[in-house]
Amino acid sequence: MYELMPNKKKFVQIIEIKEDGFVEFYFAIGEASMYVELLLPFKAFIQFCSNNRVSFFSKEQERELLIDNQNWKYGLN
């Protein structure tokens, strides 16, 4: 299988598992503050995580994301 940037650490944070079986999640490479929001069917999400050897965001990374999201939404620094 294909792994994105094999020499970098990769992270996911599940936002929501939808009723239709899709998983909405954040995906980051290297650092948690630079991420993309993705949506995949459950089986594809599991395969994606396996292929890319992802880790789930730590509690500290989740706090950083929350602060970063609030800064973008409300224009705070």
N, C-alpha and C. Protein backbone atom coordinates (compact mmCIF):
# COMPACT_ATOMS: atom_id res chain seq x y z
N MET A 1 0.82 -1.18 0.00
CA MET A 1 0.00 0.00 0.00
C MET A 1 0.87 1.25 0.00
N TYR A 2 0.28 2.36 -0.33
CA TYR A 2 0.98 3.62 -0.46
C TYR A 2 0.92 4.42 0.84
N GLU A 3 2.09 4.84 1.33
CA GLU A 3 2.16 5.68 2.53
C GLU A 3 2.60 7.08 2.15
N LEU A 4 1.85 8.08 2.59
CA LEU A 4 2.21 9.48 2.36
C LEU A 4 3.41 9.84 3.23
N MET A 5 4.42 10.44 2.65
CA MET A 5 5.59 10.94 3.38
C MET A 5 6.04 9.95 4.46
N PRO A 6 6.62 8.84 4.08
CA PRO A 6 6.93 7.77 5.03
C PRO A 6 7.87 8.15 6.18
N ASN A 7 8.65 9.20 6.04
CA ASN A 7 9.60 9.57 7.09
C ASN A 7 9.03 10.60 8.08
N LYS A 8 7.77 10.94 7.93
CA LYS A 8 7.14 11.92 8.82
C LYS A 8 6.09 11.25 9.70
N LYS A 9 5.92 11.78 10.92
CA LYS A 9 4.88 11.29 11.82
C LYS A 9 3.54 11.86 11.36
N LYS A 10 2.50 11.04 11.40
CA LYS A 10 1.17 11.45 10.94
C LYS A 10 0.15 11.23 12.05
N PHE A 11 -0.84 12.13 12.09
CA PHE A 11 -1.84 12.14 13.16
C PHE A 11 -3.24 12.24 12.58
N VAL A 12 -4.20 11.66 13.30
CA VAL A 12 -5.61 11.85 12.99
C VAL A 12 -6.37 12.20 14.26
N GLN A 13 -7.46 12.92 14.07
CA GLN A 13 -8.42 13.17 15.15
C GLN A 13 -9.80 13.01 14.53
N ILE A 14 -10.57 12.07 15.04
CA ILE A 14 -11.92 11.85 14.54
C ILE A 14 -12.81 12.98 15.04
N ILE A 15 -13.51 13.60 14.11
CA ILE A 15 -14.45 14.66 14.44
C ILE A 15 -15.82 14.05 14.67
N GLU A 16 -16.23 13.17 13.73
CA GLU A 16 -17.57 12.58 13.83
C GLU A 16 -17.63 11.32 12.96
N ILE A 17 -18.33 10.32 13.46
CA ILE A 17 -18.68 9.16 12.64
C ILE A 17 -20.16 9.34 12.29
N LYS A 18 -20.42 9.55 11.03
CA LYS A 18 -21.76 9.92 10.59
C LYS A 18 -22.66 8.69 10.48
N GLU A 19 -23.95 8.93 10.49
CA GLU A 19 -24.93 7.84 10.42
C GLU A 19 -24.81 7.02 9.14
N ASP A 20 -24.34 7.66 8.05
CA ASP A 20 -24.20 6.95 6.78
C ASP A 20 -22.90 6.15 6.68
N GLY A 21 -22.12 6.11 7.79
CA GLY A 21 -20.91 5.30 7.82
C GLY A 21 -19.64 6.04 7.44
N PHE A 22 -19.72 7.33 7.14
CA PHE A 22 -18.54 8.11 6.81
C PHE A 22 -17.88 8.62 8.09
N VAL A 23 -16.55 8.73 8.03
CA VAL A 23 -15.78 9.25 9.15
C VAL A 23 -15.22 10.61 8.75
N GLU A 24 -15.55 11.63 9.51
CA GLU A 24 -15.00 12.97 9.30
C GLU A 24 -13.84 13.11 10.28
N PHE A 25 -12.66 13.53 9.78
CA PHE A 25 -11.49 13.59 10.64
C PHE A 25 -10.48 14.62 10.17
N TYR A 26 -9.61 15.02 11.11
CA TYR A 26 -8.47 15.86 10.79
C TYR A 26 -7.28 14.94 10.53
N PHE A 27 -6.44 15.32 9.56
CA PHE A 27 -5.23 14.58 9.26
C PHE A 27 -4.08 15.57 9.20
N ALA A 28 -3.01 15.28 9.95
CA ALA A 28 -1.85 16.16 10.00
C ALA A 28 -0.57 15.36 9.77
N ILE A 29 0.39 16.02 9.15
CA ILE A 29 1.70 15.43 8.93
C ILE A 29 2.72 16.32 9.62
N GLY A 30 3.50 15.74 10.51
CA GLY A 30 4.57 16.48 11.18
C GLY A 30 4.12 17.22 12.43
N GLU A 31 3.17 18.13 12.31
CA GLU A 31 2.69 18.88 13.46
C GLU A 31 1.17 19.03 13.39
N ALA A 32 0.56 19.05 14.56
CA ALA A 32 -0.90 19.02 14.64
C ALA A 32 -1.55 20.30 14.12
N SER A 33 -0.85 21.43 14.19
CA SER A 33 -1.49 22.70 13.84
C SER A 33 -1.68 22.88 12.33
N MET A 34 -1.05 22.07 11.53
CA MET A 34 -1.22 22.12 10.08
C MET A 34 -1.93 20.84 9.65
N TYR A 35 -3.23 20.94 9.42
CA TYR A 35 -4.03 19.74 9.14
C TYR A 35 -5.03 20.02 8.03
N VAL A 36 -5.59 18.93 7.52
CA VAL A 36 -6.69 19.02 6.58
C VAL A 36 -7.86 18.23 7.17
N GLU A 37 -9.06 18.62 6.79
CA GLU A 37 -10.25 17.90 7.22
C GLU A 37 -10.65 16.97 6.08
N LEU A 38 -10.83 15.70 6.38
CA LEU A 38 -11.16 14.70 5.37
C LEU A 38 -12.41 13.94 5.77
N LEU A 39 -13.00 13.29 4.77
CA LEU A 39 -14.19 12.48 4.96
C LEU A 39 -14.03 11.22 4.13
N LEU A 40 -14.08 10.07 4.79
CA LEU A 40 -13.93 8.79 4.10
C LEU A 40 -14.95 7.79 4.63
N PRO A 41 -15.34 6.82 3.78
CA PRO A 41 -16.14 5.71 4.30
C PRO A 41 -15.34 4.98 5.39
N PHE A 42 -16.02 4.38 6.34
CA PHE A 42 -15.36 3.77 7.50
C PHE A 42 -14.23 2.82 7.10
N LYS A 43 -14.48 1.90 6.18
CA LYS A 43 -13.45 0.93 5.77
C LYS A 43 -12.25 1.64 5.16
N ALA A 44 -12.50 2.66 4.35
CA ALA A 44 -11.41 3.41 3.72
C ALA A 44 -10.62 4.18 4.78
N PHE A 45 -11.30 4.69 5.81
CA PHE A 45 -10.62 5.38 6.89
C PHE A 45 -9.67 4.44 7.62
N ILE A 46 -10.14 3.24 7.93
CA ILE A 46 -9.30 2.25 8.61
C ILE A 46 -8.08 1.92 7.75
N GLN A 47 -8.29 1.72 6.46
CA GLN A 47 -7.18 1.42 5.54
C GLN A 47 -6.21 2.60 5.45
N PHE A 48 -6.74 3.81 5.36
CA PHE A 48 -5.93 5.03 5.31
C PHE A 48 -5.04 5.12 6.54
N CYS A 49 -5.62 4.89 7.72
CA CYS A 49 -4.85 4.95 8.97
C CYS A 49 -3.77 3.87 9.01
N SER A 50 -4.11 2.69 8.56
CA SER A 50 -3.14 1.59 8.53
C SER A 50 -2.01 1.88 7.54
N ASN A 51 -2.36 2.32 6.34
CA ASN A 51 -1.35 2.61 5.32
C ASN A 51 -0.37 3.68 5.79
N ASN A 52 -0.86 4.67 6.50
CA ASN A 52 -0.04 5.81 6.89
C ASN A 52 0.49 5.73 8.32
N ARG A 53 0.23 4.62 8.99
CA ARG A 53 0.74 4.39 10.35
C ARG A 53 0.50 5.62 11.23
N VAL A 54 -0.74 6.05 11.30
CA VAL A 54 -1.09 7.27 12.02
C VAL A 54 -1.17 7.03 13.52
N SER A 55 -1.03 8.11 14.26
CA SER A 55 -1.28 8.15 15.70
C SER A 55 -2.45 9.09 15.91
N PHE A 56 -3.19 8.88 16.99
CA PHE A 56 -4.24 9.82 17.32
C PHE A 56 -3.62 11.01 18.04
N PHE A 57 -4.21 12.19 17.85
CA PHE A 57 -3.71 13.39 18.51
C PHE A 57 -3.69 13.17 20.01
N SER A 58 -2.66 13.68 20.66
CA SER A 58 -2.60 13.65 22.12
C SER A 58 -3.56 14.71 22.67
N LYS A 59 -3.83 14.66 23.96
CA LYS A 59 -4.69 15.67 24.59
C LYS A 59 -4.10 17.07 24.40
N GLU A 60 -2.79 17.19 24.50
CA GLU A 60 -2.14 18.50 24.31
C GLU A 60 -2.33 19.00 22.88
N GLN A 61 -2.17 18.10 21.90
CA GLN A 61 -2.39 18.49 20.50
C GLN A 61 -3.85 18.88 20.26
N GLU A 62 -4.78 18.17 20.90
CA GLU A 62 -6.20 18.51 20.76
C GLU A 62 -6.46 19.91 21.32
N ARG A 63 -5.83 20.26 22.44
CA ARG A 63 -5.98 21.61 23.01
C ARG A 63 -5.43 22.66 22.06
N GLU A 64 -4.25 22.37 21.46
CA GLU A 64 -3.66 23.29 20.50
C GLU A 64 -4.59 23.51 19.31
N LEU A 65 -5.20 22.43 18.82
CA LEU A 65 -6.14 22.54 17.70
C LEU A 65 -7.35 23.39 18.07
N LEU A 66 -7.88 23.17 19.26
CA LEU A 66 -9.04 23.95 19.72
C LEU A 66 -8.70 25.44 19.77
N ILE A 67 -7.56 25.77 20.33
CA ILE A 67 -7.13 27.17 20.41
C ILE A 67 -6.92 27.74 19.01
N ASP A 68 -6.26 26.98 18.15
CA ASP A 68 -6.01 27.43 16.78
C ASP A 68 -7.33 27.66 16.03
N ASN A 69 -8.27 26.74 16.17
CA ASN A 69 -9.57 26.88 15.51
C ASN A 69 -10.32 28.10 16.02
N GLN A 70 -10.25 28.35 17.32
CA GLN A 70 -10.91 29.53 17.88
C GLN A 70 -10.26 30.82 17.37
N ASN A 71 -8.92 30.81 17.26
CA ASN A 71 -8.22 31.98 16.74
C ASN A 71 -8.65 32.28 15.31
N TRP A 72 -8.78 31.26 14.48
CA TRP A 72 -9.22 31.46 13.10
C TRP A 72 -10.66 31.94 13.05
N LYS A 73 -11.50 31.32 13.87
CA LYS A 73 -12.93 31.65 13.83
C LYS A 73 -13.21 33.04 14.35
N TYR A 74 -12.53 33.43 15.44
CA TYR A 74 -12.85 34.71 16.09
C TYR A 74 -11.78 35.78 15.87
N GLY A 75 -10.70 35.45 15.14
CA GLY A 75 -9.67 36.42 14.84
C GLY A 75 -8.82 36.81 16.04
N LEU A 76 -8.64 35.88 16.97
CA LEU A 76 -7.84 36.14 18.16
C LEU A 76 -6.39 35.75 17.92
N ASN A 77 -5.50 36.34 18.67
CA ASN A 77 -4.07 35.98 18.55
C ASN A 77 -3.51 35.55 19.87
